[in-house]
Amino acid sequence: MIVIEAKNIVTKFGTRTIHDNVNLHINKNEIYAIIGESGSGKSVLMKEMIMLMEPTSGQINVFGESLESLNMQKAQELRRKWGVLFQFGALFSSLTIAENIELQLKEYTNISKEMRDKLVYSKLELVGLSPYVGELYPSELSGGMIKRAALARALAMEPKLLFLDEPTSGLDPIGARNFDQLIVSLRDLLGITVVIITHDLDSIFSIVDRMAVLADKHVVVEGVLGNVLQSQHPFVEAYFKNEYTKERFKDRIKNV
């Protein structure tokens, strides 16, 4: 089943073209990465998928719904099916972590305060945070804890689709790899589809099922790692086939 499909997406900011006929599709239950150099429009594409921006032309379908044809009620219903982890967490600094996670539950459901509290602390446990973290404010957390807290908030409405924008940026290597494994565990446990914007080669080589590489304003290659490594596009060559990458991931590359 295709969860997200982008067809002939063109995005322009004034006279500047960011995307020129971008095409890709994301399958159910896979961890899918969108890769590209800075300025290639990765985050813009994600914002278009979650209806924070509109492409200049083209069509994006999510769960079989064309985003451009949705009325307000349908759009709200669709938004409840996904969660988003923004690059720097985007937690509200004036709210405790528990209040941050509870916010969507208060806004979009009629469940009792007691049930909301149970759900909040179950989400904290799900992402590996202790209950006491719920009473803290974002300023009192480490970078890794902020990522996990923001992930707990993204999971509050039990989404079927999870968007992650640079989830391991700013984390130390051990924290980044632990976060990667958390994403895989959540995908397997909850049966969700995960879309990741990332530069992290460790994530790409270890947890990503399929990927799209953005360069020259369009998708230059899409597919599993083996498909990508066969591409001779200059960006792919520079990113995946430099000496450091070939040595660092030689066992994985050899087995592709």
C-alpha atoms as a PDB file:
ATOM      1  CA  MET A   1       0.000   0.000   0.000  1.00  0.00           C
ATOM      2  CA  ILE A   2       1.306   3.456  -0.935  1.00  0.00           C
ATOM      3  CA  VAL A   3       0.917   5.891   1.976  1.00  0.00           C
ATOM      4  CA  ILE A   4       2.359   9.009   0.305  1.00  0.00           C
ATOM      5  CA  GLU A   5       2.717   9.763  -3.388  1.00  0.00           C
ATOM      6  CA  ALA A   6       4.180  12.937  -4.851  1.00  0.00           C
ATOM      7  CA  LYS A   7       3.476  13.542  -8.536  1.00  0.00           C
ATOM      8  CA  ASN A   8       5.240  16.174 -10.641  1.00  0.00           C
ATOM      9  CA  ILE A   9       5.772  18.562  -7.727  1.00  0.00           C
ATOM     10  CA  VAL A  10       6.984  22.021  -8.694  1.00  0.00           C
ATOM     11  CA  THR A  11       7.832  24.500  -5.949  1.00  0.00           C
ATOM     12  CA  LYS A  12       8.835  28.085  -6.663  1.00  0.00           C
ATOM     13  CA  PHE A  13       9.671  30.976  -4.366  1.00  0.00           C
ATOM     14  CA  GLY A  14       9.358  33.983  -6.643  1.00  0.00           C
ATOM     15  CA  THR A  15      11.681  33.347  -9.569  1.00  0.00           C
ATOM     16  CA  ARG A  16      13.600  30.641  -7.699  1.00  0.00           C
ATOM     17  CA  THR A  17      12.644  27.032  -8.449  1.00  0.00           C
ATOM     18  CA  ILE A  18      13.178  24.583  -5.558  1.00  0.00           C
ATOM     19  CA  HIS A  19      11.489  21.499  -7.021  1.00  0.00           C
ATOM     20  CA  ASP A  20      11.035  20.786 -10.705  1.00  0.00           C
ATOM     21  CA  ASN A  21       8.842  17.709 -11.283  1.00  0.00           C
ATOM     22  CA  VAL A  22       9.615  15.810  -8.088  1.00  0.00           C
ATOM     23  CA  ASN A  23       8.148  12.306  -8.045  1.00  0.00           C
ATOM     24  CA  LEU A  24       8.329   9.704  -5.264  1.00  0.00           C
ATOM     25  CA  HIS A  25       6.211   7.237  -3.313  1.00  0.00           C
ATOM     26  CA  ILE A  26       6.368   5.938   0.248  1.00  0.00           C
ATOM     27  CA  ASN A  27       5.053   2.499   1.184  1.00  0.00           C
ATOM     28  CA  LYS A  28       3.225   1.459   4.331  1.00  0.00           C
ATOM     29  CA  ASN A  29       5.381   0.511   7.350  1.00  0.00           C
ATOM     30  CA  GLU A  30       8.708   1.458   5.800  1.00  0.00           C
ATOM     31  CA  ILE A  31      11.339   3.855   7.084  1.00  0.00           C
ATOM     32  CA  TYR A  32      11.851   6.186   4.154  1.00  0.00           C
ATOM     33  CA  ALA A  33      14.575   8.831   3.974  1.00  0.00           C
ATOM     34  CA  ILE A  34      14.660  12.022   1.938  1.00  0.00           C
ATOM     35  CA  ILE A  35      18.283  12.935   1.301  1.00  0.00           C
ATOM     36  CA  GLY A  36      19.973  15.841  -0.440  1.00  0.00           C
ATOM     37  CA  GLU A  37      22.418  18.654   0.014  1.00  0.00           C
ATOM     38  CA  SER A  38      21.457  21.804   1.921  1.00  0.00           C
ATOM     39  CA  GLY A  39      19.047  23.893  -0.116  1.00  0.00           C
ATOM     40  CA  SER A  40      17.743  20.955  -2.155  1.00  0.00           C
ATOM     41  CA  GLY A  41      14.243  21.351  -0.707  1.00  0.00           C
ATOM     42  CA  LYS A  42      14.027  18.358   1.636  1.00  0.00           C
ATOM     43  CA  SER A  43      12.300  20.166   4.484  1.00  0.00           C
ATOM     44  CA  VAL A  44      10.132  22.137   2.050  1.00  0.00           C
ATOM     45  CA  LEU A  45       8.907  18.855   0.584  1.00  0.00           C
ATOM     46  CA  MET A  46       8.090  17.538   4.041  1.00  0.00           C
ATOM     47  CA  LYS A  47       6.175  20.726   4.874  1.00  0.00           C
ATOM     48  CA  GLU A  48       4.158  20.230   1.702  1.00  0.00           C
ATOM     49  CA  MET A  49       3.361  16.669   2.776  1.00  0.00           C
ATOM     50  CA  ILE A  50       2.034  17.871   6.153  1.00  0.00           C
ATOM     51  CA  MET A  51       0.122  20.821   4.651  1.00  0.00           C
ATOM     52  CA  LEU A  52       2.256  23.587   6.129  1.00  0.00           C
ATOM     53  CA  MET A  53       3.059  24.703   2.577  1.00  0.00           C
ATOM     54  CA  GLU A  54       1.524  24.197  -0.847  1.00  0.00           C
ATOM     55  CA  PRO A  55       3.518  23.300  -3.964  1.00  0.00           C
ATOM     56  CA  THR A  56       3.238  25.604  -6.948  1.00  0.00           C
ATOM     57  CA  SER A  57       1.898  22.697  -9.001  1.00  0.00           C
ATOM     58  CA  GLY A  58       1.665  18.930  -8.908  1.00  0.00           C
ATOM     59  CA  GLN A  59      -0.173  16.611  -6.560  1.00  0.00           C
ATOM     60  CA  ILE A  60       0.535  15.001  -3.200  1.00  0.00           C
ATOM     61  CA  ASN A  61      -1.642  12.111  -2.034  1.00  0.00           C
ATOM     62  CA  VAL A  62      -1.562  10.960   1.603  1.00  0.00           C
ATOM     63  CA  PHE A  63      -3.544   7.852   2.557  1.00  0.00           C
ATOM     64  CA  GLY A  64      -5.190   8.104  -0.855  1.00  0.00           C
ATOM     65  CA  GLU A  65      -6.384  11.680  -0.300  1.00  0.00           C
ATOM     66  CA  SER A  66      -5.269  14.471  -2.632  1.00  0.00           C
ATOM     67  CA  LEU A  67      -4.121  17.294  -0.340  1.00  0.00           C
ATOM     68  CA  GLU A  68      -5.134  20.039  -2.757  1.00  0.00           C
ATOM     69  CA  SER A  69      -8.794  18.960  -2.815  1.00  0.00           C
ATOM     70  CA  LEU A  70      -9.433  18.648   0.938  1.00  0.00           C
ATOM     71  CA  ASN A  71     -11.951  20.824   2.752  1.00  0.00           C
ATOM     72  CA  MET A  72     -11.113  22.079   6.250  1.00  0.00           C
ATOM     73  CA  GLN A  73     -12.805  19.186   8.046  1.00  0.00           C
ATOM     74  CA  LYS A  74     -11.084  16.538   5.914  1.00  0.00           C
ATOM     75  CA  ALA A  75      -7.745  18.271   6.355  1.00  0.00           C
ATOM     76  CA  GLN A  76      -8.141  18.204  10.142  1.00  0.00           C
ATOM     77  CA  GLU A  77      -9.056  14.524  10.081  1.00  0.00           C
ATOM     78  CA  LEU A  78      -5.990  13.740   7.987  1.00  0.00           C
ATOM     79  CA  ARG A  79      -3.645  15.752  10.228  1.00  0.00           C
ATOM     80  CA  ARG A  80      -4.669  13.570  13.157  1.00  0.00           C
ATOM     81  CA  LYS A  81      -3.210  10.566  11.342  1.00  0.00           C
ATOM     82  CA  TRP A  82       0.368  11.864  11.505  1.00  0.00           C
ATOM     83  CA  GLY A  83       2.870  13.123  14.037  1.00  0.00           C
ATOM     84  CA  VAL A  84       5.810  15.414  13.387  1.00  0.00           C
ATOM     85  CA  LEU A  85       9.180  15.761  15.101  1.00  0.00           C
ATOM     86  CA  PHE A  86      10.757  19.021  13.975  1.00  0.00           C
ATOM     87  CA  GLN A  87      14.528  19.430  13.875  1.00  0.00           C
ATOM     88  CA  PHE A  88      14.941  21.263  17.185  1.00  0.00           C
ATOM     89  CA  GLY A  89      11.994  19.682  18.964  1.00  0.00           C
ATOM     90  CA  ALA A  90       9.747  22.785  18.800  1.00  0.00           C
ATOM     91  CA  LEU A  91       8.511  22.192  22.344  1.00  0.00           C
ATOM     92  CA  PHE A  92       6.671  25.066  24.032  1.00  0.00           C
ATOM     93  CA  SER A  93       9.151  26.448  26.555  1.00  0.00           C
ATOM     94  CA  SER A  94       6.455  27.749  28.920  1.00  0.00           C
ATOM     95  CA  LEU A  95       4.831  24.309  29.276  1.00  0.00           C
ATOM     96  CA  THR A  96       6.091  21.251  31.112  1.00  0.00           C
ATOM     97  CA  ILE A  97       6.904  18.193  29.043  1.00  0.00           C
ATOM     98  CA  ALA A  98       3.657  16.543  30.172  1.00  0.00           C
ATOM     99  CA  GLU A  99       1.697  19.645  29.144  1.00  0.00           C
ATOM    100  CA  ASN A 100       3.436  19.660  25.759  1.00  0.00           C
ATOM    101  CA  ILE A 101       2.429  16.054  25.130  1.00  0.00           C
ATOM    102  CA  GLU A 102      -1.103  16.623  26.450  1.00  0.00           C
ATOM    103  CA  LEU A 103      -1.788  19.639  24.243  1.00  0.00           C
ATOM    104  CA  GLN A 104      -3.103  17.758  21.213  1.00  0.00           C
ATOM    105  CA  LEU A 105      -5.153  15.433  23.392  1.00  0.00           C
ATOM    106  CA  LYS A 106      -6.886  18.447  24.965  1.00  0.00           C
ATOM    107  CA  GLU A 107      -7.472  20.101  21.604  1.00  0.00           C
ATOM    108  CA  TYR A 108      -8.640  17.156  19.516  1.00  0.00           C
ATOM    109  CA  THR A 109     -10.273  14.717  21.951  1.00  0.00           C
ATOM    110  CA  ASN A 110     -12.942  14.710  24.650  1.00  0.00           C
ATOM    111  CA  ILE A 111     -11.230  12.224  26.939  1.00  0.00           C
ATOM    112  CA  SER A 112     -10.990  12.910  30.664  1.00  0.00           C
ATOM    113  CA  LYS A 113      -8.033  14.520  32.413  1.00  0.00           C
ATOM    114  CA  GLU A 114      -7.288  11.215  34.134  1.00  0.00           C
ATOM    115  CA  MET A 115      -7.120   9.377  30.815  1.00  0.00           C
ATOM    116  CA  ARG A 116      -5.018  12.148  29.261  1.00  0.00           C
ATOM    117  CA  ASP A 117      -2.516  11.826  32.093  1.00  0.00           C
ATOM    118  CA  LYS A 118      -2.306   8.061  31.600  1.00  0.00           C
ATOM    119  CA  LEU A 119      -1.694   8.533  27.883  1.00  0.00           C
ATOM    120  CA  VAL A 120       0.963  11.208  28.472  1.00  0.00           C
ATOM    121  CA  TYR A 121       2.982   9.020  30.797  1.00  0.00           C
ATOM    122  CA  SER A 122       2.562   5.967  28.586  1.00  0.00           C
ATOM    123  CA  LYS A 123       4.103   7.986  25.731  1.00  0.00           C
ATOM    124  CA  LEU A 124       7.008   9.032  27.939  1.00  0.00           C
ATOM    125  CA  GLU A 125       7.620   5.393  28.784  1.00  0.00           C
ATOM    126  CA  LEU A 126       7.314   4.438  25.122  1.00  0.00           C
ATOM    127  CA  VAL A 127      10.217   6.729  24.169  1.00  0.00           C
ATOM    128  CA  GLY A 128      12.363   5.697  27.118  1.00  0.00           C
ATOM    129  CA  LEU A 129      11.842   8.647  29.460  1.00  0.00           C
ATOM    130  CA  SER A 130      11.148   8.375  33.189  1.00  0.00           C
ATOM    131  CA  PRO A 131       7.847   9.706  34.583  1.00  0.00           C
ATOM    132  CA  TYR A 132       9.567  12.564  36.453  1.00  0.00           C
ATOM    133  CA  VAL A 133      10.562  14.100  33.090  1.00  0.00           C
ATOM    134  CA  GLY A 134       6.910  15.018  32.564  1.00  0.00           C
ATOM    135  CA  GLU A 135       7.160  17.632  35.331  1.00  0.00           C
ATOM    136  CA  LEU A 136      10.244  19.304  33.868  1.00  0.00           C
ATOM    137  CA  TYR A 137      10.432  22.153  31.369  1.00  0.00           C
ATOM    138  CA  PRO A 138      12.278  21.905  28.015  1.00  0.00           C
ATOM    139  CA  SER A 139      15.099  24.125  29.334  1.00  0.00           C
ATOM    140  CA  GLU A 140      15.829  21.474  31.975  1.00  0.00           C
ATOM    141  CA  LEU A 141      16.417  18.671  29.469  1.00  0.00           C
ATOM    142  CA  SER A 142      19.473  17.529  27.541  1.00  0.00           C
ATOM    143  CA  GLY A 143      19.418  17.506  23.745  1.00  0.00           C
ATOM    144  CA  GLY A 144      18.710  13.792  23.624  1.00  0.00           C
ATOM    145  CA  MET A 145      15.883  14.081  26.136  1.00  0.00           C
ATOM    146  CA  ILE A 146      14.341  16.937  24.146  1.00  0.00           C
ATOM    147  CA  LYS A 147      14.321  14.738  21.043  1.00  0.00           C
ATOM    148  CA  ARG A 148      12.600  11.933  22.939  1.00  0.00           C
ATOM    149  CA  ALA A 149      10.108  14.289  24.571  1.00  0.00           C
ATOM    150  CA  ALA A 150       9.250  15.815  21.196  1.00  0.00           C
ATOM    151  CA  LEU A 151       8.859  12.299  19.797  1.00  0.00           C
ATOM    152  CA  ALA A 152       6.477  11.452  22.663  1.00  0.00           C
ATOM    153  CA  ARG A 153       4.413  14.497  21.702  1.00  0.00           C
ATOM    154  CA  ALA A 154       4.441  13.431  18.034  1.00  0.00           C
ATOM    155  CA  LEU A 155       3.046  10.044  19.124  1.00  0.00           C
ATOM    156  CA  ALA A 156       0.342  11.495  21.396  1.00  0.00           C
ATOM    157  CA  MET A 157      -2.504  10.947  18.931  1.00  0.00           C
ATOM    158  CA  GLU A 158      -1.294   7.440  18.013  1.00  0.00           C
ATOM    159  CA  PRO A 159      -0.482   8.393  14.407  1.00  0.00           C
ATOM    160  CA  LYS A 160      -0.172   6.021  11.486  1.00  0.00           C
ATOM    161  CA  LEU A 161       2.515   8.199   9.909  1.00  0.00           C
ATOM    162  CA  LEU A 162       5.533   9.828  11.554  1.00  0.00           C
ATOM    163  CA  PHE A 163       7.635  12.637  10.066  1.00  0.00           C
ATOM    164  CA  LEU A 164      11.125  13.249  11.481  1.00  0.00           C
ATOM    165  CA  ASP A 165      13.203  16.269  10.439  1.00  0.00           C
ATOM    166  CA  GLU A 166      16.910  15.635  11.142  1.00  0.00           C
ATOM    167  CA  PRO A 167      16.106  13.538  14.248  1.00  0.00           C
ATOM    168  CA  THR A 168      19.732  12.763  15.163  1.00  0.00           C
ATOM    169  CA  SER A 169      21.213  16.223  14.540  1.00  0.00           C
ATOM    170  CA  GLY A 170      22.908  17.614  17.638  1.00  0.00           C
ATOM    171  CA  LEU A 171      23.140  14.231  19.331  1.00  0.00           C
ATOM    172  CA  ASP A 172      26.377  12.496  20.259  1.00  0.00           C
ATOM    173  CA  PRO A 173      27.116   9.282  18.306  1.00  0.00           C
ATOM    174  CA  ILE A 174      25.815   6.954  21.025  1.00  0.00           C
ATOM    175  CA  GLY A 175      22.657   9.021  21.525  1.00  0.00           C
ATOM    176  CA  ALA A 176      22.080   9.150  17.768  1.00  0.00           C
ATOM    177  CA  ARG A 177      22.353   5.388  17.366  1.00  0.00           C
ATOM    178  CA  ASN A 178      20.076   4.803  20.364  1.00  0.00           C
ATOM    179  CA  PHE A 179      17.538   7.142  18.791  1.00  0.00           C
ATOM    180  CA  ASP A 180      17.793   5.227  15.511  1.00  0.00           C
ATOM    181  CA  GLN A 181      17.022   1.976  17.291  1.00  0.00           C
ATOM    182  CA  LEU A 182      14.108   3.625  19.081  1.00  0.00           C
ATOM    183  CA  ILE A 183      12.619   4.588  15.702  1.00  0.00           C
ATOM    184  CA  VAL A 184      12.936   1.028  14.410  1.00  0.00           C
ATOM    185  CA  SER A 185      11.368  -0.348  17.594  1.00  0.00           C
ATOM    186  CA  LEU A 186       8.450   2.073  17.378  1.00  0.00           C
ATOM    187  CA  ARG A 187       7.893   1.275  13.709  1.00  0.00           C
ATOM    188  CA  ASP A 188       7.791  -2.435  14.478  1.00  0.00           C
ATOM    189  CA  LEU A 189       5.708  -2.081  17.660  1.00  0.00           C
ATOM    190  CA  LEU A 190       3.158   0.427  16.377  1.00  0.00           C
ATOM    191  CA  GLY A 191       3.103  -0.511  12.680  1.00  0.00           C
ATOM    192  CA  ILE A 192       3.680   3.069  11.579  1.00  0.00           C
ATOM    193  CA  THR A 193       5.262   4.524   8.456  1.00  0.00           C
ATOM    194  CA  VAL A 194       8.268   6.781   9.080  1.00  0.00           C
ATOM    195  CA  VAL A 195       9.551   9.580   6.829  1.00  0.00           C
ATOM    196  CA  ILE A 196      12.968  10.959   7.768  1.00  0.00           C
ATOM    197  CA  ILE A 197      14.798  14.032   6.516  1.00  0.00           C
ATOM    198  CA  THR A 198      18.423  13.271   7.292  1.00  0.00           C
ATOM    199  CA  HIS A 199      22.101  13.801   6.513  1.00  0.00           C
ATOM    200  CA  ASP A 200      23.168  11.048   8.924  1.00  0.00           C
ATOM    201  CA  LEU A 201      24.961   8.303   7.001  1.00  0.00           C
ATOM    202  CA  ASP A 202      24.791   5.941   9.982  1.00  0.00           C
ATOM    203  CA  SER A 203      20.993   6.234   9.962  1.00  0.00           C
ATOM    204  CA  ILE A 204      20.850   5.819   6.195  1.00  0.00           C
ATOM    205  CA  PHE A 205      23.005   2.695   6.196  1.00  0.00           C
ATOM    206  CA  SER A 206      21.469   1.081   9.295  1.00  0.00           C
ATOM    207  CA  ILE A 207      17.703   1.732   9.553  1.00  0.00           C
ATOM    208  CA  VAL A 208      16.396   3.144   6.262  1.00  0.00           C
ATOM    209  CA  ASP A 209      14.393   0.803   4.030  1.00  0.00           C
ATOM    210  CA  ARG A 210      14.090   3.050   0.962  1.00  0.00           C
ATOM    211  CA  MET A 211      15.117   6.590   0.100  1.00  0.00           C
ATOM    212  CA  ALA A 212      14.864   9.419  -2.395  1.00  0.00           C
ATOM    213  CA  VAL A 213      17.864  11.584  -3.259  1.00  0.00           C
ATOM    214  CA  LEU A 214      17.052  15.188  -4.160  1.00  0.00           C
ATOM    215  CA  ALA A 215      19.487  17.020  -6.426  1.00  0.00           C
ATOM    216  CA  ASP A 216      19.192  19.381  -9.377  1.00  0.00           C
ATOM    217  CA  LYS A 217      15.627  20.207  -8.235  1.00  0.00           C
ATOM    218  CA  HIS A 218      14.248  16.683  -8.666  1.00  0.00           C
ATOM    219  CA  VAL A 219      14.608  13.112  -7.418  1.00  0.00           C
ATOM    220  CA  VAL A 220      17.723  11.753  -9.117  1.00  0.00           C
ATOM    221  CA  VAL A 221      17.323   8.235  -7.678  1.00  0.00           C
ATOM    222  CA  GLU A 222      14.784   6.460  -5.483  1.00  0.00           C
ATOM    223  CA  GLY A 223      14.789   2.990  -3.983  1.00  0.00           C
ATOM    224  CA  VAL A 224      16.718   0.701  -1.663  1.00  0.00           C
ATOM    225  CA  LEU A 225      20.376   1.345  -0.884  1.00  0.00           C
ATOM    226  CA  GLY A 226      21.513  -0.907  -3.740  1.00  0.00           C
ATOM    227  CA  ASN A 227      19.578   1.188  -6.269  1.00  0.00           C
ATOM    228  CA  VAL A 228      21.056   4.396  -4.901  1.00  0.00           C
ATOM    229  CA  LEU A 229      24.627   3.096  -4.967  1.00  0.00           C
ATOM    230  CA  GLN A 230      24.242   2.245  -8.651  1.00  0.00           C
ATOM    231  CA  SER A 231      23.486   5.867  -9.522  1.00  0.00           C
ATOM    232  CA  GLN A 232      26.287   7.832 -11.173  1.00  0.00           C
ATOM    233  CA  HIS A 233      24.835  11.243 -10.405  1.00  0.00           C
ATOM    234  CA  PRO A 234      27.599  13.582  -9.125  1.00  0.00           C
ATOM    235  CA  PHE A 235      25.874  14.219  -5.778  1.00  0.00           C
ATOM    236  CA  VAL A 236      25.358  10.511  -5.156  1.00  0.00           C
ATOM    237  CA  GLU A 237      28.981   9.841  -6.104  1.00  0.00           C
ATOM    238  CA  ALA A 238      30.233  12.532  -3.722  1.00  0.00           C
ATOM    239  CA  TYR A 239      27.918  11.585  -0.862  1.00  0.00           C
ATOM    240  CA  PHE A 240      27.981   7.796  -0.932  1.00  0.00           C
ATOM    241  CA  LYS A 241      31.174   6.887  -2.770  1.00  0.00           C
ATOM    242  CA  ASN A 242      33.863   9.032  -1.180  1.00  0.00           C
ATOM    243  CA  GLU A 243      36.753   7.215   0.503  1.00  0.00           C
ATOM    244  CA  TYR A 244      35.523   7.846   4.055  1.00  0.00           C
ATOM    245  CA  THR A 245      32.058   6.449   3.376  1.00  0.00           C
ATOM    246  CA  LYS A 246      33.376   3.434   1.474  1.00  0.00           C
ATOM    247  CA  GLU A 247      35.730   2.583   4.340  1.00  0.00           C
ATOM    248  CA  ARG A 248      33.259   3.378   7.151  1.00  0.00           C
ATOM    249  CA  PHE A 249      30.456   1.272   5.654  1.00  0.00           C
ATOM    250  CA  LYS A 250      32.451  -1.225   3.592  1.00  0.00           C
ATOM    251  CA  ASP A 251      30.743  -4.274   5.114  1.00  0.00           C
ATOM    252  CA  ARG A 252      27.288  -2.921   4.406  1.00  0.00           C
ATOM    253  CA  ILE A 253      28.214  -1.800   0.893  1.00  0.00           C
ATOM    254  CA  LYS A 254      29.806  -5.200   0.180  1.00  0.00           C
ATOM    255  CA  ASN A 255      26.570  -6.963   1.128  1.00  0.00           C
ATOM    256  CA  VAL A 256      24.290  -4.784  -1.000  1.00  0.00           C
END
